[in-house]
Amino acid sequence: MGRKATILSHPALAYMIHEARGYLEQFQTDLTKHDALALSQHEHTNAFAWIVWPTGTHICFTGTASNPTHERTTWWKGFARMVTEAMGADVCRYYFWDGYKLSRIKCAADLDERFAQHEQELADARERGRLADLGVM
């Protein structure tokens, strides 16, 4: 297993700060303190969704290979829709970190779909690993 990120070393944080600069008008500590802390508690390669609006941010991690119990949950479903309903679609900006790159996503529905796609990719990889362990692959 890789090392845990530190608040200053997570590669996504610099991209997030850049994307929020000039747009996040209030509660910058949502990003610089709370999101940064959340990032420090996850591997760099763990995927997450991030939403920013002028008065705050919200981050949501997908299931990870290092936490099988977490992977079996579906708490992330509807994450983007719920934040959008609370904050307003006209002000939310959506992003997905795939473990290597932060990508801008068009809308809440697309972000929730990207979450689902990533979770399916993880499930497929786990199944391939189980089949390989059984000598099937």
Foldseek 3Di string as FASTA:
>chain_A
DDDFAALPGQVVLVVVCVVCVPFQQADCCLRSPVVSVVSRGDALQWKWKKKGFNHHIDIGTADDPVDVVRLPDDVCQCVQVVVCVVPPFVGIWMWMDNSPDIDTDDGSVRRNVVSVVSSVVVVVVVVVVVCVVVVND
